């Protein structure tokens, strides 16, 4: 099921007190309308009614897609103990062929939901993002890369579209052919990288760099 509660919050800009709905768990099949709130980030933001300042809610949330068989743990508090409690309702015999991920913030959760729903493997996508990083690094005058996120697929042009966030620059979109993903997927499969552990894994840039090897120079 999907579960939420109301928490008191203080605006860091003006000090006004308010109340925010904090989501503790979201079931994609039971509450499909909440998916768009996850993708947009709306569910994890609070807009102060007094001054209009927007800030992220420091919250933990489980996002469960039973159909696509993945469970994501948004762990913004840095406390992973909630996973132990959840394991009581999700015993090991129910974890076969499931994807479990721990995620640090709302944008990363939105990206993960989007790419998994599109049928991509997040481990392969993180490796592809290292390739895109090299393209960004070749244009250093554009500013240091702060974040790179998968956005969507151009099915006509058979290209993946990424959003690059740079310091002091507008967000830019970068392209990578789908064939690059397919090639990376074959290589990752041969290297045994696509097996799931049955426990929560953090699959991000740091993970990708750890498996890409010391020869990788992106970033």
Protein backbone atom coordinates (compact mmCIF):
# COMPACT_ATOMS: atom_id res chain seq x y z
CA UNK A 1 0.00 0.00 0.00
CA UNK A 2 0.94 3.68 -0.10
CA UNK A 3 1.37 5.43 3.21
CA UNK A 4 1.90 9.06 4.20
CA UNK A 5 1.86 11.20 7.32
CA UNK A 6 1.80 14.92 8.11
CA UNK A 7 4.95 16.48 9.58
CA UNK A 8 5.61 19.96 10.92
CA UNK A 9 8.26 21.84 8.95
CA UNK A 10 10.06 25.16 9.35
CA UNK A 11 10.94 27.23 6.29
CA UNK A 12 14.72 27.80 6.32
CA UNK A 13 14.26 31.10 4.47
CA UNK A 14 11.68 32.93 6.60
CA UNK A 15 11.19 30.70 9.63
CA UNK A 16 7.47 30.17 9.05
CA UNK A 17 5.99 26.95 10.46
CA UNK A 18 3.92 24.70 8.24
CA UNK A 19 2.75 21.16 7.65
CA UNK A 20 3.92 18.86 4.87
CA UNK A 21 2.72 15.50 3.64
CA UNK A 22 5.59 13.05 3.92
CA UNK A 23 5.36 9.80 1.96
CA UNK A 24 6.70 6.72 3.72
CA UNK A 25 5.79 4.19 1.02
CA UNK A 26 4.38 4.30 -2.50
CA UNK A 27 2.96 1.36 -4.42
CA UNK A 28 3.07 2.05 -8.16
CA UNK A 29 0.14 -0.25 -8.92
CA UNK A 30 -2.13 0.77 -6.06
CA UNK A 31 -1.39 4.50 -6.37
CA UNK A 32 -0.35 5.09 -10.00
CA UNK A 33 -1.10 8.82 -9.81
CA UNK A 34 1.75 9.27 -7.32
CA UNK A 35 4.30 8.24 -9.93
CA UNK A 36 4.14 11.63 -11.64
CA UNK A 37 4.76 13.29 -8.29
CA UNK A 38 7.88 11.18 -7.91
CA UNK A 39 9.10 11.94 -11.44
CA UNK A 40 8.52 15.68 -11.04
CA UNK A 41 9.91 15.70 -7.50
CA UNK A 42 6.75 17.36 -6.21
CA UNK A 43 6.17 14.72 -3.51
CA UNK A 44 9.50 15.48 -1.87
CA UNK A 45 9.38 19.28 -1.99
CA UNK A 46 7.71 21.86 0.20
CA UNK A 47 6.76 25.34 -0.94
CA UNK A 48 6.49 27.85 1.89
CA UNK A 49 3.08 29.56 1.70
CA UNK A 50 4.52 32.70 3.30
CA UNK A 51 7.61 33.45 1.21
CA UNK A 52 7.40 30.93 -1.65
CA UNK A 53 10.77 29.33 -0.84
CA UNK A 54 11.02 25.73 -2.07
CA UNK A 55 13.10 23.15 -0.24
CA UNK A 56 13.54 19.38 -0.17
CA UNK A 57 11.89 17.37 2.57
CA UNK A 58 14.40 15.18 4.38
CA UNK A 59 12.46 11.95 4.25
CA UNK A 60 12.74 8.22 3.66
CA UNK A 61 10.36 6.42 1.34
CA UNK A 62 9.93 3.01 -0.27
CA UNK A 63 8.80 2.99 -3.91
CA UNK A 64 7.50 -0.45 -4.90
CA UNK A 65 6.61 -1.56 -8.43
CA UNK A 66 5.17 -5.07 -8.19
CA UNK A 67 4.68 -5.43 -11.94
CA UNK A 68 8.25 -4.56 -12.89
CA UNK A 69 9.59 -6.21 -9.73
CA UNK A 70 11.70 -3.49 -8.20
CA UNK A 71 11.84 -1.81 -4.80
CA UNK A 72 13.59 1.52 -4.29
CA UNK A 73 14.48 2.97 -0.90
CA UNK A 74 14.81 6.72 -0.87
CA UNK A 75 17.09 7.26 2.13
CA UNK A 76 17.55 11.00 2.54
CA UNK A 77 18.09 10.75 6.29
CA UNK A 78 21.09 8.48 5.79
CA UNK A 79 19.52 5.93 8.12
CA UNK A 80 19.09 2.53 6.49
CA UNK A 81 17.44 0.90 9.52
CA UNK A 82 14.02 1.16 7.85
CA UNK A 83 15.15 -1.58 5.47
CA UNK A 84 15.37 -4.00 8.39
CA UNK A 85 11.78 -3.30 9.33
CA UNK A 86 10.62 -3.64 5.75
CA UNK A 87 12.35 -7.02 5.42
CA UNK A 88 9.74 -8.40 7.81
CA UNK A 89 7.15 -7.80 5.09
CA UNK A 90 9.48 -8.71 2.24
CA UNK A 91 11.20 -11.97 3.28
CA UNK A 92 14.05 -13.48 1.22
CA UNK A 93 11.77 -16.01 -0.47
CA UNK A 94 9.94 -13.11 -2.17
CA UNK A 95 13.10 -11.43 -3.47
CA UNK A 96 13.91 -13.66 -6.41
CA UNK A 97 14.37 -11.70 -9.64
CA UNK A 98 13.77 -8.43 -7.81
CA UNK A 99 15.82 -5.26 -8.10
CA UNK A 100 16.59 -3.50 -4.80
CA UNK A 101 18.18 -0.06 -4.74
CA UNK A 102 19.02 2.52 -2.08
CA UNK A 103 18.88 6.12 -3.33
CA UNK A 104 20.08 9.34 -1.72
CA UNK A 105 17.72 12.03 -3.03
CA UNK A 106 14.58 12.85 -4.98
CA UNK A 107 16.15 13.54 -8.41
CA UNK A 108 18.01 10.23 -8.30
CA UNK A 109 14.77 8.43 -7.37
CA UNK A 110 12.92 10.09 -10.26
CA UNK A 111 15.66 9.06 -12.67
CA UNK A 112 15.68 5.49 -11.39
CA UNK A 113 11.90 5.10 -11.69
CA UNK A 114 11.92 6.59 -15.17
CA UNK A 115 14.67 4.43 -16.62
CA UNK A 116 13.46 1.20 -14.98
CA UNK A 117 9.95 1.84 -16.29
CA UNK A 118 11.44 2.36 -19.75
CA UNK A 119 13.01 -1.11 -19.54
CA UNK A 120 16.62 -0.01 -19.07
CA UNK A 121 19.07 -1.56 -16.62
CA UNK A 122 20.35 1.05 -14.21
CA UNK A 123 23.82 -0.52 -13.95
CA UNK A 124 24.27 -0.27 -17.70
CA UNK A 125 22.89 3.26 -17.71
CA UNK A 126 25.39 4.41 -15.09
CA UNK A 127 28.21 3.04 -17.26
CA UNK A 128 26.74 4.86 -20.26
CA UNK A 129 26.71 8.07 -18.26
CA UNK A 130 30.47 7.79 -17.84
CA UNK A 131 30.74 7.83 -21.62
CA UNK A 132 28.58 10.96 -21.74
CA UNK A 133 30.76 12.54 -19.05
CA UNK A 134 33.71 12.30 -21.39
CA UNK A 135 31.75 14.34 -23.91
CA UNK A 136 31.13 16.96 -21.24
CA UNK A 137 34.77 16.95 -20.14
CA UNK A 138 35.81 17.74 -23.71
CA UNK A 139 33.95 21.06 -23.43
CA UNK A 140 35.42 22.21 -20.11
CA UNK A 141 34.70 25.84 -20.96
CA UNK A 142 31.02 25.09 -20.43
CA UNK A 143 31.56 24.74 -16.66
CA UNK A 144 32.15 21.87 -14.27
CA UNK A 145 29.58 19.10 -14.41
CA UNK A 146 27.57 18.86 -11.20
CA UNK A 147 25.10 16.18 -12.20
CA UNK A 148 24.10 14.03 -15.14
CA UNK A 149 20.66 12.44 -15.33
CA UNK A 150 18.93 10.20 -17.86
CA UNK A 151 15.84 12.00 -19.19
CA UNK A 152 14.19 10.04 -22.01
CA UNK A 153 14.65 8.25 -25.34
CA UNK A 154 14.26 9.69 -28.80
CA UNK A 155 12.77 6.60 -30.45
CA UNK A 156 12.83 8.19 -33.91
CA UNK A 157 16.50 9.05 -33.78
CA UNK A 158 17.32 6.02 -31.61
CA UNK A 159 19.15 8.15 -29.08
CA UNK A 160 19.16 8.49 -25.31
CA UNK A 161 18.81 12.01 -23.93
CA UNK A 162 20.61 13.11 -20.77
CA UNK A 163 20.38 16.34 -18.81
CA UNK A 164 23.72 17.82 -17.76
CA UNK A 165 23.70 20.29 -14.87
CA UNK A 166 26.81 22.49 -14.79
CA UNK A 167 27.98 25.16 -12.38
CA UNK A 168 26.69 28.62 -13.32
CA UNK A 169 25.23 27.33 -16.59
CA UNK A 170 21.72 26.42 -17.78
CA UNK A 171 20.97 22.72 -17.93
CA UNK A 172 21.98 21.20 -21.27
CA UNK A 173 20.84 18.08 -23.07
CA UNK A 174 23.33 15.54 -24.38
CA UNK A 175 22.73 12.61 -26.71
CA UNK A 176 24.08 9.08 -26.85
CA UNK A 177 23.06 6.49 -29.46
CA UNK A 178 20.96 3.59 -28.23
CA UNK A 179 23.50 1.33 -29.88
CA UNK A 180 25.99 2.44 -27.21
CA UNK A 181 23.63 1.21 -24.49
CA UNK A 182 23.14 -2.11 -26.29
CA UNK A 183 26.90 -2.59 -26.63
CA UNK A 184 27.46 -1.69 -22.98
CA UNK A 185 24.70 -4.10 -21.93
CA UNK A 186 26.36 -6.99 -23.77
CA UNK A 187 29.71 -6.19 -22.17
CA UNK A 188 28.21 -5.85 -18.67
CA UNK A 189 26.45 -9.19 -19.11
CA UNK A 190 29.69 -10.88 -20.16
CA UNK A 191 31.44 -9.37 -17.14
CA UNK A 192 28.77 -10.68 -14.76
CA UNK A 193 27.75 -7.21 -13.60
CA UNK A 194 24.01 -7.61 -14.07
CA UNK A 195 23.31 -10.19 -11.38
CA UNK A 196 21.19 -8.97 -8.47
CA UNK A 197 22.28 -9.54 -4.89
CA UNK A 198 18.83 -9.78 -3.30
CA UNK A 199 19.74 -6.87 -1.02
CA UNK A 200 19.65 -3.10 -1.38
CA UNK A 201 22.47 -1.83 -3.59
CA UNK A 202 23.62 1.71 -4.32
CA UNK A 203 24.06 1.95 -8.09
CA UNK A 204 25.39 5.39 -8.96
CA UNK A 205 28.41 7.13 -10.45
CA UNK A 206 30.67 5.85 -7.68
CA UNK A 207 29.60 2.27 -8.44
CA UNK A 208 30.19 2.79 -12.17
CA UNK A 209 33.69 4.14 -11.58
CA UNK A 210 34.50 1.18 -9.33
CA UNK A 211 33.71 -1.33 -12.09
CA UNK A 212 34.99 0.76 -15.02
CA UNK A 213 38.56 0.42 -13.74
CA UNK A 214 41.39 2.85 -13.06
CA UNK A 215 41.78 3.70 -16.73
CA UNK A 216 38.56 5.67 -16.79
CA UNK A 217 39.18 9.40 -16.92
CA UNK A 218 35.69 10.91 -16.95
CA UNK A 219 35.05 13.66 -14.43
